[in-house]
Amino acid sequence: MSYGIRRIKKSFTKALHISIEDHPKIVIMSDCHRGTGTWADNFLNNRPIYTAALKHYYSRNFTYIELGDGDELWENRRFSDVFHTHREIYSLFQQFHDAGRLYMIFGNHDRIKENSAYVWRDLSETIPFYESIIVDGLDIPPICMFHGYQGDLINDQLWKISRWLVRYLWRPLEIRGVKDPTSAAKNYTKIRHIEENFINYSCQERCIVVAGHTHKPTLMKTDCGMYFNSGSCVHPEAITAIEIQNGIANLVKWSICSGADMGLYVCKEVIATQEL
């Protein structure tokens, strides 16, 4: 068994189990990388789109699951700075949480939430974070959700070194066009290797693997398994998500569209569909 598969398998040994019968409508997002509103906040331009999408899903009784890297806590040391920049979003999270429809997974960029329930001091309650979640159902294969850094050595076992490099070296160089070598989203060879691990794990465990990390939106079915990726919320002028309901997974894109009256509005487009 490869190192990557071993790490993925270990990540699910203490997974939180929830039931599709209790959560019949699920939306999955990941890799928002919410920052502090500076030039380095890659999420900021898409905030209006993301906020509109959250309101849409809340009003339609979806359960929101975030697959990690929600907050950019490699570049930014203090969560409070992120919170105050995006206060409306955390208020919406509180509403989902109060309704029993919020589940959060940590990623490599917000892995400081791993040791205990991460206390959002500005919210009324502590919201727990998990390494993995498994959605069980009578009529579907288990849906195994995690961020996806597991087995990606530089972002897994060496994550503290990578955080230091991003915070003090690559962040100031990014503005000069230097690529961050720790980023899976910008390394296509690494993406292929990571995806192979996800697919192999899906085949071995007979489950649907759902991840983030690569920023590459995907609904993939192979001869022996399925692998989905929710993409990210830092695409140029768009965010992506996966909706699961009625035994169907839809990969959707939210963006800004123009109407016949030349007005602008937030719109949703289904870009792929897969039966579970």
C-alpha atoms as a PDB file:
ATOM      1  CA  MET A   1       0.000   0.000   0.000  1.00  0.00           C
ATOM      2  CA  SER A   2       1.441   3.375  -1.024  1.00  0.00           C
ATOM      3  CA  TYR A   3       2.168   6.207   1.401  1.00  0.00           C
ATOM      4  CA  GLY A   4      -0.653   8.284  -0.078  1.00  0.00           C
ATOM      5  CA  ILE A   5      -3.252   5.530   0.310  1.00  0.00           C
ATOM      6  CA  ARG A   6      -2.099   4.827   3.877  1.00  0.00           C
ATOM      7  CA  ARG A   7      -2.538   8.486   4.810  1.00  0.00           C
ATOM      8  CA  ILE A   8      -5.972   8.677   3.190  1.00  0.00           C
ATOM      9  CA  LYS A   9      -7.073   5.478   4.932  1.00  0.00           C
ATOM     10  CA  LYS A  10      -5.859   6.773   8.292  1.00  0.00           C
ATOM     11  CA  SER A  11      -7.725  10.059   7.839  1.00  0.00           C
ATOM     12  CA  PHE A  12     -11.049   8.203   7.729  1.00  0.00           C
ATOM     13  CA  THR A  13     -10.497   6.055  10.836  1.00  0.00           C
ATOM     14  CA  LYS A  14     -12.072   8.753  13.046  1.00  0.00           C
ATOM     15  CA  ALA A  15     -14.482  10.207  10.501  1.00  0.00           C
ATOM     16  CA  LEU A  16     -17.736  11.803  11.583  1.00  0.00           C
ATOM     17  CA  HIS A  17     -20.655   9.789  10.183  1.00  0.00           C
ATOM     18  CA  ILE A  18     -23.834  11.563   9.102  1.00  0.00           C
ATOM     19  CA  SER A  19     -26.886  10.203   7.316  1.00  0.00           C
ATOM     20  CA  ILE A  20     -28.169  11.240   3.904  1.00  0.00           C
ATOM     21  CA  GLU A  21     -31.656  10.605   5.280  1.00  0.00           C
ATOM     22  CA  ASP A  22     -31.050  13.341   7.885  1.00  0.00           C
ATOM     23  CA  HIS A  23     -29.419  15.631   5.302  1.00  0.00           C
ATOM     24  CA  PRO A  24     -31.211  14.957   1.999  1.00  0.00           C
ATOM     25  CA  LYS A  25     -29.870  18.119   0.350  1.00  0.00           C
ATOM     26  CA  ILE A  26     -26.130  18.789   0.650  1.00  0.00           C
ATOM     27  CA  VAL A  27     -23.904  21.439  -0.908  1.00  0.00           C
ATOM     28  CA  ILE A  28     -20.137  20.998  -0.766  1.00  0.00           C
ATOM     29  CA  MET A  29     -17.608  23.795  -1.196  1.00  0.00           C
ATOM     30  CA  SER A  30     -13.900  24.059  -0.463  1.00  0.00           C
ATOM     31  CA  ASP A  31     -10.783  26.176  -0.783  1.00  0.00           C
ATOM     32  CA  CYS A  32     -12.332  29.578  -0.168  1.00  0.00           C
ATOM     33  CA  HIS A  33      -9.049  30.888   1.259  1.00  0.00           C
ATOM     34  CA  ARG A  34     -10.855  33.761   2.957  1.00  0.00           C
ATOM     35  CA  GLY A  35      -8.270  36.432   3.717  1.00  0.00           C
ATOM     36  CA  THR A  36      -8.056  39.864   5.263  1.00  0.00           C
ATOM     37  CA  GLY A  37      -9.246  42.059   2.402  1.00  0.00           C
ATOM     38  CA  THR A  38      -5.789  43.024   1.136  1.00  0.00           C
ATOM     39  CA  TRP A  39      -4.383  42.537  -2.385  1.00  0.00           C
ATOM     40  CA  ALA A  40      -3.395  39.022  -1.269  1.00  0.00           C
ATOM     41  CA  ASP A  41      -6.999  38.030  -0.439  1.00  0.00           C
ATOM     42  CA  ASN A  42      -7.771  35.805  -3.433  1.00  0.00           C
ATOM     43  CA  PHE A  43     -11.324  35.280  -2.186  1.00  0.00           C
ATOM     44  CA  LEU A  44     -12.320  38.941  -2.015  1.00  0.00           C
ATOM     45  CA  ASN A  45     -13.425  39.408  -5.635  1.00  0.00           C
ATOM     46  CA  ASN A  46     -15.762  36.425  -5.402  1.00  0.00           C
ATOM     47  CA  ARG A  47     -17.247  37.319  -2.028  1.00  0.00           C
ATOM     48  CA  PRO A  48     -20.532  38.721  -3.460  1.00  0.00           C
ATOM     49  CA  ILE A  49     -21.021  35.549  -5.519  1.00  0.00           C
ATOM     50  CA  TYR A  50     -20.236  33.289  -2.572  1.00  0.00           C
ATOM     51  CA  THR A  51     -22.516  35.215  -0.215  1.00  0.00           C
ATOM     52  CA  ALA A  52     -25.410  35.014  -2.674  1.00  0.00           C
ATOM     53  CA  ALA A  53     -24.847  31.264  -3.076  1.00  0.00           C
ATOM     54  CA  LEU A  54     -24.837  30.716   0.703  1.00  0.00           C
ATOM     55  CA  LYS A  55     -28.130  32.603   1.064  1.00  0.00           C
ATOM     56  CA  HIS A  56     -29.615  30.528  -1.755  1.00  0.00           C
ATOM     57  CA  TYR A  57     -28.626  27.241  -0.107  1.00  0.00           C
ATOM     58  CA  TYR A  58     -29.729  28.299   3.366  1.00  0.00           C
ATOM     59  CA  SER A  59     -33.186  29.347   2.177  1.00  0.00           C
ATOM     60  CA  ARG A  60     -33.608  25.999   0.384  1.00  0.00           C
ATOM     61  CA  ASN A  61     -32.654  23.882   3.411  1.00  0.00           C
ATOM     62  CA  PHE A  62     -29.326  22.577   2.120  1.00  0.00           C
ATOM     63  CA  THR A  63     -26.697  21.298   4.539  1.00  0.00           C
ATOM     64  CA  TYR A  64     -23.407  23.142   3.956  1.00  0.00           C
ATOM     65  CA  ILE A  65     -20.186  21.107   4.114  1.00  0.00           C
ATOM     66  CA  GLU A  66     -16.867  22.918   3.685  1.00  0.00           C
ATOM     67  CA  LEU A  67     -13.923  20.683   2.777  1.00  0.00           C
ATOM     68  CA  GLY A  68     -11.086  22.722   4.234  1.00  0.00           C
ATOM     69  CA  ASP A  69      -8.891  25.721   3.428  1.00  0.00           C
ATOM     70  CA  GLY A  70     -11.908  27.871   4.159  1.00  0.00           C
ATOM     71  CA  ASP A  71      -9.700  30.433   5.881  1.00  0.00           C
ATOM     72  CA  GLU A  72      -6.251  31.444   4.650  1.00  0.00           C
ATOM     73  CA  LEU A  73      -4.282  30.885   7.846  1.00  0.00           C
ATOM     74  CA  TRP A  74      -0.899  30.317   6.275  1.00  0.00           C
ATOM     75  CA  GLU A  75      -0.573  33.828   4.916  1.00  0.00           C
ATOM     76  CA  ASN A  76      -2.507  35.324   7.857  1.00  0.00           C
ATOM     77  CA  ARG A  77      -1.588  34.668  11.473  1.00  0.00           C
ATOM     78  CA  ARG A  78      -4.832  35.770  13.171  1.00  0.00           C
ATOM     79  CA  PHE A  79      -8.258  34.385  12.416  1.00  0.00           C
ATOM     80  CA  SER A  80      -9.860  37.466  13.976  1.00  0.00           C
ATOM     81  CA  ASP A  81      -8.585  39.572  11.056  1.00  0.00           C
ATOM     82  CA  VAL A  82     -10.245  37.186   8.593  1.00  0.00           C
ATOM     83  CA  PHE A  83     -13.457  37.130  10.611  1.00  0.00           C
ATOM     84  CA  HIS A  84     -13.858  40.895  10.753  1.00  0.00           C
ATOM     85  CA  THR A  85     -13.208  41.206   7.013  1.00  0.00           C
ATOM     86  CA  HIS A  86     -15.918  38.675   6.131  1.00  0.00           C
ATOM     87  CA  ARG A  87     -18.323  39.135   9.046  1.00  0.00           C
ATOM     88  CA  GLU A  88     -21.499  38.611   6.970  1.00  0.00           C
ATOM     89  CA  ILE A  89     -20.292  35.176   5.864  1.00  0.00           C
ATOM     90  CA  TYR A  90     -19.659  34.010   9.425  1.00  0.00           C
ATOM     91  CA  SER A  91     -23.112  35.250  10.404  1.00  0.00           C
ATOM     92  CA  LEU A  92     -24.525  33.011   7.676  1.00  0.00           C
ATOM     93  CA  PHE A  93     -22.438  30.109   8.983  1.00  0.00           C
ATOM     94  CA  GLN A  94     -23.968  30.704  12.399  1.00  0.00           C
ATOM     95  CA  GLN A  95     -27.442  30.407  10.882  1.00  0.00           C
ATOM     96  CA  PHE A  96     -26.533  27.106   9.213  1.00  0.00           C
ATOM     97  CA  HIS A  97     -25.037  25.889  12.496  1.00  0.00           C
ATOM     98  CA  ASP A  98     -28.105  26.863  14.527  1.00  0.00           C
ATOM     99  CA  ALA A  99     -30.248  24.918  12.054  1.00  0.00           C
ATOM    100  CA  GLY A 100     -28.022  21.820  12.377  1.00  0.00           C
ATOM    101  CA  ARG A 101     -26.902  22.126   8.768  1.00  0.00           C
ATOM    102  CA  LEU A 102     -23.205  23.066   9.002  1.00  0.00           C
ATOM    103  CA  TYR A 103     -20.175  20.748   8.894  1.00  0.00           C
ATOM    104  CA  MET A 104     -16.595  21.952   8.597  1.00  0.00           C
ATOM    105  CA  ILE A 105     -13.446  20.047   7.625  1.00  0.00           C
ATOM    106  CA  PHE A 106      -9.967  21.511   8.058  1.00  0.00           C
ATOM    107  CA  GLY A 107      -7.404  21.628   5.259  1.00  0.00           C
ATOM    108  CA  ASN A 108      -3.681  22.232   5.198  1.00  0.00           C
ATOM    109  CA  HIS A 109      -4.078  26.032   5.076  1.00  0.00           C
ATOM    110  CA  ASP A 110      -6.295  26.041   8.187  1.00  0.00           C
ATOM    111  CA  ARG A 111      -4.899  22.963   9.907  1.00  0.00           C
ATOM    112  CA  ILE A 112      -4.396  24.872  13.153  1.00  0.00           C
ATOM    113  CA  LYS A 113      -8.037  23.920  13.761  1.00  0.00           C
ATOM    114  CA  GLU A 114      -6.987  20.259  14.055  1.00  0.00           C
ATOM    115  CA  ASN A 115      -6.073  19.957  17.735  1.00  0.00           C
ATOM    116  CA  SER A 116      -9.465  20.901  19.173  1.00  0.00           C
ATOM    117  CA  ALA A 117     -12.744  22.534  18.256  1.00  0.00           C
ATOM    118  CA  TYR A 118     -11.679  25.848  16.772  1.00  0.00           C
ATOM    119  CA  VAL A 119     -13.203  28.658  18.824  1.00  0.00           C
ATOM    120  CA  TRP A 120     -14.665  31.424  16.730  1.00  0.00           C
ATOM    121  CA  ARG A 121     -14.766  33.838  19.626  1.00  0.00           C
ATOM    122  CA  ASP A 122     -16.897  36.312  17.714  1.00  0.00           C
ATOM    123  CA  LEU A 123     -19.641  33.708  17.167  1.00  0.00           C
ATOM    124  CA  SER A 124     -22.075  32.600  19.819  1.00  0.00           C
ATOM    125  CA  GLU A 125     -20.950  28.951  19.812  1.00  0.00           C
ATOM    126  CA  THR A 126     -17.881  26.861  19.147  1.00  0.00           C
ATOM    127  CA  ILE A 127     -18.057  25.149  15.755  1.00  0.00           C
ATOM    128  CA  PRO A 128     -16.175  21.827  15.552  1.00  0.00           C
ATOM    129  CA  PHE A 129     -13.854  20.966  12.682  1.00  0.00           C
ATOM    130  CA  TYR A 130     -13.215  17.446  11.432  1.00  0.00           C
ATOM    131  CA  GLU A 131     -10.511  15.768   9.374  1.00  0.00           C
ATOM    132  CA  SER A 132     -13.083  13.717   7.497  1.00  0.00           C
ATOM    133  CA  ILE A 133     -16.806  13.061   7.179  1.00  0.00           C
ATOM    134  CA  ILE A 134     -18.586   9.999   5.787  1.00  0.00           C
ATOM    135  CA  VAL A 135     -22.146  10.380   4.522  1.00  0.00           C
ATOM    136  CA  ASP A 136     -24.013   7.078   4.778  1.00  0.00           C
ATOM    137  CA  GLY A 137     -27.247   6.167   3.034  1.00  0.00           C
ATOM    138  CA  LEU A 138     -29.387   3.134   2.337  1.00  0.00           C
ATOM    139  CA  ASP A 139     -29.379   3.521  -1.436  1.00  0.00           C
ATOM    140  CA  ILE A 140     -25.959   5.065  -2.128  1.00  0.00           C
ATOM    141  CA  PRO A 141     -22.306   4.099  -1.599  1.00  0.00           C
ATOM    142  CA  PRO A 142     -20.590   5.764   1.388  1.00  0.00           C
ATOM    143  CA  ILE A 143     -19.493   9.298   0.492  1.00  0.00           C
ATOM    144  CA  CYS A 144     -16.012   9.843   1.987  1.00  0.00           C
ATOM    145  CA  MET A 145     -15.231  13.539   2.313  1.00  0.00           C
ATOM    146  CA  PHE A 146     -11.927  15.130   3.308  1.00  0.00           C
ATOM    147  CA  HIS A 147      -9.732  18.005   2.177  1.00  0.00           C
ATOM    148  CA  GLY A 148      -7.216  15.946   0.229  1.00  0.00           C
ATOM    149  CA  TYR A 149      -3.833  17.106   1.541  1.00  0.00           C
ATOM    150  CA  GLN A 150      -3.341  13.663   3.092  1.00  0.00           C
ATOM    151  CA  GLY A 151      -0.503  11.932   1.271  1.00  0.00           C
ATOM    152  CA  ASP A 152       0.727  15.170  -0.327  1.00  0.00           C
ATOM    153  CA  LEU A 153       3.964  15.172   1.684  1.00  0.00           C
ATOM    154  CA  ILE A 154       4.853  18.866   1.556  1.00  0.00           C
ATOM    155  CA  ASN A 155       1.309  19.833   2.590  1.00  0.00           C
ATOM    156  CA  ASP A 156       0.809  16.949   5.009  1.00  0.00           C
ATOM    157  CA  GLN A 157       3.727  15.880   7.201  1.00  0.00           C
ATOM    158  CA  LEU A 158       5.751  18.985   6.278  1.00  0.00           C
ATOM    159  CA  TRP A 159       2.883  21.464   6.501  1.00  0.00           C
ATOM    160  CA  LYS A 160       4.527  23.693   9.114  1.00  0.00           C
ATOM    161  CA  ILE A 161       7.569  24.147   6.865  1.00  0.00           C
ATOM    162  CA  SER A 162       5.275  24.891   3.922  1.00  0.00           C
ATOM    163  CA  ARG A 163       3.341  27.422   6.005  1.00  0.00           C
ATOM    164  CA  TRP A 164       6.568  29.218   6.889  1.00  0.00           C
ATOM    165  CA  LEU A 165       7.617  29.300   3.221  1.00  0.00           C
ATOM    166  CA  VAL A 166       4.254  30.679   2.115  1.00  0.00           C
ATOM    167  CA  ARG A 167       4.016  33.242   4.900  1.00  0.00           C
ATOM    168  CA  TYR A 168       7.522  34.648   4.711  1.00  0.00           C
ATOM    169  CA  LEU A 169       8.876  33.789   1.254  1.00  0.00           C
ATOM    170  CA  TRP A 170       6.341  32.964  -1.456  1.00  0.00           C
ATOM    171  CA  ARG A 171       3.704  35.505  -0.453  1.00  0.00           C
ATOM    172  CA  PRO A 172       5.947  38.541  -1.105  1.00  0.00           C
ATOM    173  CA  LEU A 173       7.326  36.876  -4.246  1.00  0.00           C
ATOM    174  CA  GLU A 174       3.847  36.069  -5.595  1.00  0.00           C
ATOM    175  CA  ILE A 175       3.280  39.668  -6.612  1.00  0.00           C
ATOM    176  CA  ARG A 176       6.402  39.368  -8.800  1.00  0.00           C
ATOM    177  CA  GLY A 177       5.001  36.328 -10.582  1.00  0.00           C
ATOM    178  CA  VAL A 178       6.933  33.585  -8.763  1.00  0.00           C
ATOM    179  CA  LYS A 179       4.833  30.424  -8.404  1.00  0.00           C
ATOM    180  CA  ASP A 180       4.388  28.845  -4.981  1.00  0.00           C
ATOM    181  CA  PRO A 181       5.836  25.300  -5.275  1.00  0.00           C
ATOM    182  CA  THR A 182       3.819  24.104  -2.251  1.00  0.00           C
ATOM    183  CA  SER A 183       0.518  24.701  -4.066  1.00  0.00           C
ATOM    184  CA  ALA A 184      -1.143  21.579  -5.447  1.00  0.00           C
ATOM    185  CA  ALA A 185      -3.481  23.789  -7.480  1.00  0.00           C
ATOM    186  CA  LYS A 186      -0.584  25.167  -9.565  1.00  0.00           C
ATOM    187  CA  ASN A 187       1.334  21.923 -10.098  1.00  0.00           C
ATOM    188  CA  TYR A 188      -0.355  19.730 -12.718  1.00  0.00           C
ATOM    189  CA  THR A 189       1.990  16.777 -12.228  1.00  0.00           C
ATOM    190  CA  LYS A 190       1.163  16.786  -8.530  1.00  0.00           C
ATOM    191  CA  ILE A 191      -2.572  17.042  -9.285  1.00  0.00           C
ATOM    192  CA  ARG A 192      -2.446  13.902 -11.431  1.00  0.00           C
ATOM    193  CA  HIS A 193      -0.632  11.973  -8.701  1.00  0.00           C
ATOM    194  CA  ILE A 194      -3.075  13.147  -6.018  1.00  0.00           C
ATOM    195  CA  GLU A 195      -6.073  12.237  -8.168  1.00  0.00           C
ATOM    196  CA  GLU A 196      -4.669   8.750  -8.779  1.00  0.00           C
ATOM    197  CA  ASN A 197      -4.542   8.219  -5.008  1.00  0.00           C
ATOM    198  CA  PHE A 198      -8.153   9.377  -4.633  1.00  0.00           C
ATOM    199  CA  ILE A 199      -9.363   7.074  -7.414  1.00  0.00           C
ATOM    200  CA  ASN A 200      -7.415   4.092  -6.078  1.00  0.00           C
ATOM    201  CA  TYR A 201      -8.832   4.637  -2.595  1.00  0.00           C
ATOM    202  CA  SER A 202     -12.361   4.860  -4.009  1.00  0.00           C
ATOM    203  CA  CYS A 203     -11.869   1.541  -5.779  1.00  0.00           C
ATOM    204  CA  GLN A 204     -10.340  -0.186  -2.751  1.00  0.00           C
ATOM    205  CA  GLU A 205     -12.984   0.973  -0.280  1.00  0.00           C
ATOM    206  CA  ARG A 206     -15.972   0.984  -2.667  1.00  0.00           C
ATOM    207  CA  CYS A 207     -16.869   4.532  -1.717  1.00  0.00           C
ATOM    208  CA  ILE A 208     -17.263   7.894  -3.408  1.00  0.00           C
ATOM    209  CA  VAL A 209     -14.266  10.107  -2.597  1.00  0.00           C
ATOM    210  CA  VAL A 210     -15.047  13.829  -2.388  1.00  0.00           C
ATOM    211  CA  ALA A 211     -12.141  16.236  -1.885  1.00  0.00           C
ATOM    212  CA  GLY A 212     -10.859  19.739  -2.465  1.00  0.00           C
ATOM    213  CA  HIS A 213      -7.170  20.756  -2.363  1.00  0.00           C
ATOM    214  CA  THR A 214      -6.457  20.662  -6.115  1.00  0.00           C
ATOM    215  CA  HIS A 215      -8.947  23.457  -6.978  1.00  0.00           C
ATOM    216  CA  LYS A 216      -9.904  21.345 -10.020  1.00  0.00           C
ATOM    217  CA  PRO A 217     -13.694  20.794 -10.175  1.00  0.00           C
ATOM    218  CA  THR A 218     -14.386  17.165 -11.065  1.00  0.00           C
ATOM    219  CA  LEU A 219     -17.114  14.524 -11.257  1.00  0.00           C
ATOM    220  CA  MET A 220     -15.334  11.340 -12.325  1.00  0.00           C
ATOM    221  CA  LYS A 221     -16.655   7.794 -12.566  1.00  0.00           C
ATOM    222  CA  THR A 222     -14.268   4.916 -13.274  1.00  0.00           C
ATOM    223  CA  ASP A 223     -14.844   1.190 -13.718  1.00  0.00           C
ATOM    224  CA  CYS A 224     -14.502   0.631  -9.989  1.00  0.00           C
ATOM    225  CA  GLY A 225     -15.208   3.902  -8.172  1.00  0.00           C
ATOM    226  CA  MET A 226     -16.068   7.586  -8.200  1.00  0.00           C
ATOM    227  CA  TYR A 227     -14.046  10.704  -7.379  1.00  0.00           C
ATOM    228  CA  PHE A 228     -15.553  14.184  -7.027  1.00  0.00           C
ATOM    229  CA  ASN A 229     -13.799  17.501  -6.404  1.00  0.00           C
ATOM    230  CA  SER A 230     -15.699  20.648  -5.462  1.00  0.00           C
ATOM    231  CA  GLY A 231     -13.091  22.939  -7.028  1.00  0.00           C
ATOM    232  CA  SER A 232     -12.627  26.238  -5.228  1.00  0.00           C
ATOM    233  CA  CYS A 233     -14.057  29.665  -4.511  1.00  0.00           C
ATOM    234  CA  VAL A 234     -11.032  31.491  -5.934  1.00  0.00           C
ATOM    235  CA  HIS A 235     -11.513  30.804  -9.631  1.00  0.00           C
ATOM    236  CA  PRO A 236     -11.383  33.986 -11.729  1.00  0.00           C
ATOM    237  CA  GLU A 237     -14.863  35.529 -11.418  1.00  0.00           C
ATOM    238  CA  ALA A 238     -16.570  32.273 -10.361  1.00  0.00           C
ATOM    239  CA  ILE A 239     -16.949  29.700  -7.604  1.00  0.00           C
ATOM    240  CA  THR A 240     -17.781  26.008  -7.934  1.00  0.00           C
ATOM    241  CA  ALA A 241     -19.696  23.607  -5.706  1.00  0.00           C
ATOM    242  CA  ILE A 242     -21.194  20.129  -5.655  1.00  0.00           C
ATOM    243  CA  GLU A 243     -24.873  19.643  -4.875  1.00  0.00           C
ATOM    244  CA  ILE A 244     -26.110  16.216  -3.769  1.00  0.00           C
ATOM    245  CA  GLN A 245     -29.809  15.366  -3.628  1.00  0.00           C
ATOM    246  CA  ASN A 246     -32.150  12.622  -4.834  1.00  0.00           C
ATOM    247  CA  GLY A 247     -29.228  10.312  -5.634  1.00  0.00           C
ATOM    248  CA  ILE A 248     -27.680  12.804  -8.053  1.00  0.00           C
ATOM    249  CA  ALA A 249     -24.498  14.908  -7.803  1.00  0.00           C
ATOM    250  CA  ASN A 250     -24.430  18.179  -9.735  1.00  0.00           C
ATOM    251  CA  LEU A 251     -21.231  20.146 -10.254  1.00  0.00           C
ATOM    252  CA  VAL A 252     -22.293  23.790 -10.434  1.00  0.00           C
ATOM    253  CA  LYS A 253     -20.650  27.108 -11.188  1.00  0.00           C
ATOM    254  CA  TRP A 254     -21.788  30.398  -9.664  1.00  0.00           C
ATOM    255  CA  SER A 255     -20.795  33.598 -11.454  1.00  0.00           C
ATOM    256  CA  ILE A 256     -21.996  37.064 -12.498  1.00  0.00           C
ATOM    257  CA  CYS A 257     -24.341  37.140 -15.499  1.00  0.00           C
ATOM    258  CA  SER A 258     -25.954  39.995 -17.411  1.00  0.00           C
ATOM    259  CA  GLY A 259     -29.668  40.181 -18.162  1.00  0.00           C
ATOM    260  CA  ALA A 260     -31.584  41.488 -21.160  1.00  0.00           C
ATOM    261  CA  ASP A 261     -31.944  44.810 -19.337  1.00  0.00           C
ATOM    262  CA  MET A 262     -28.123  45.008 -19.062  1.00  0.00           C
ATOM    263  CA  GLY A 263     -28.368  44.471 -15.315  1.00  0.00           C
ATOM    264  CA  LEU A 264     -25.979  42.158 -13.486  1.00  0.00           C
ATOM    265  CA  TYR A 265     -27.035  39.288 -11.243  1.00  0.00           C
ATOM    266  CA  VAL A 266     -25.558  36.178  -9.622  1.00  0.00           C
ATOM    267  CA  CYS A 267     -26.385  33.056 -11.631  1.00  0.00           C
ATOM    268  CA  LYS A 268     -25.882  29.302 -11.284  1.00  0.00           C
ATOM    269  CA  GLU A 269     -24.979  26.882 -14.071  1.00  0.00           C
ATOM    270  CA  VAL A 270     -24.901  23.079 -13.859  1.00  0.00           C
ATOM    271  CA  ILE A 271     -21.700  22.002 -15.621  1.00  0.00           C
ATOM    272  CA  ALA A 272     -21.737  18.241 -14.915  1.00  0.00           C
ATOM    273  CA  THR A 273     -24.052  15.601 -13.457  1.00  0.00           C
ATOM    274  CA  GLN A 274     -23.367  12.148 -12.039  1.00  0.00           C
ATOM    275  CA  GLU A 275     -25.716   9.536 -10.626  1.00  0.00           C
ATOM    276  CA  LEU A 276     -24.466   8.178  -7.297  1.00  0.00           C
END
